[in-house]
Amino acid sequence: MIELSRSSKIVVSKDVVSCDLGGETAILEMNEGVYYGLNEMGTVIWELIQKPITLQEIVNSIREEYEVDQKTCFDDLSELIEQMIKNKLVEVL
């Protein structure tokens, strides 16, 4: 597994398509043909990673909108991104 840091740059994989379902997101990883779903917060993050962005930039953006401390935000975000990497939904640049 890749060790993520605040400077890790993340972007959506090329083999993924997604659509908005009224505040939630449906994602299809085309190589495996597997669907995934994201809740409202996952959708916020998904929108941010459409272009390459660092984990710290994502944390900063989330903290501008939501009351969450830096460590909790980074830890939760890292866990989500690790799952996305494992499922080939995002790439680390």
Foldseek 3Di string as FASTA:
>chain_A
DDDADQFWKKAFDPQKDWDDDPQKMWMARNVVRDIDIGHNVVVLVNVVRNDIDGNNVVLVVVVVPDPDDSVVSSVVVVVVVVVCVVVRGMDTD
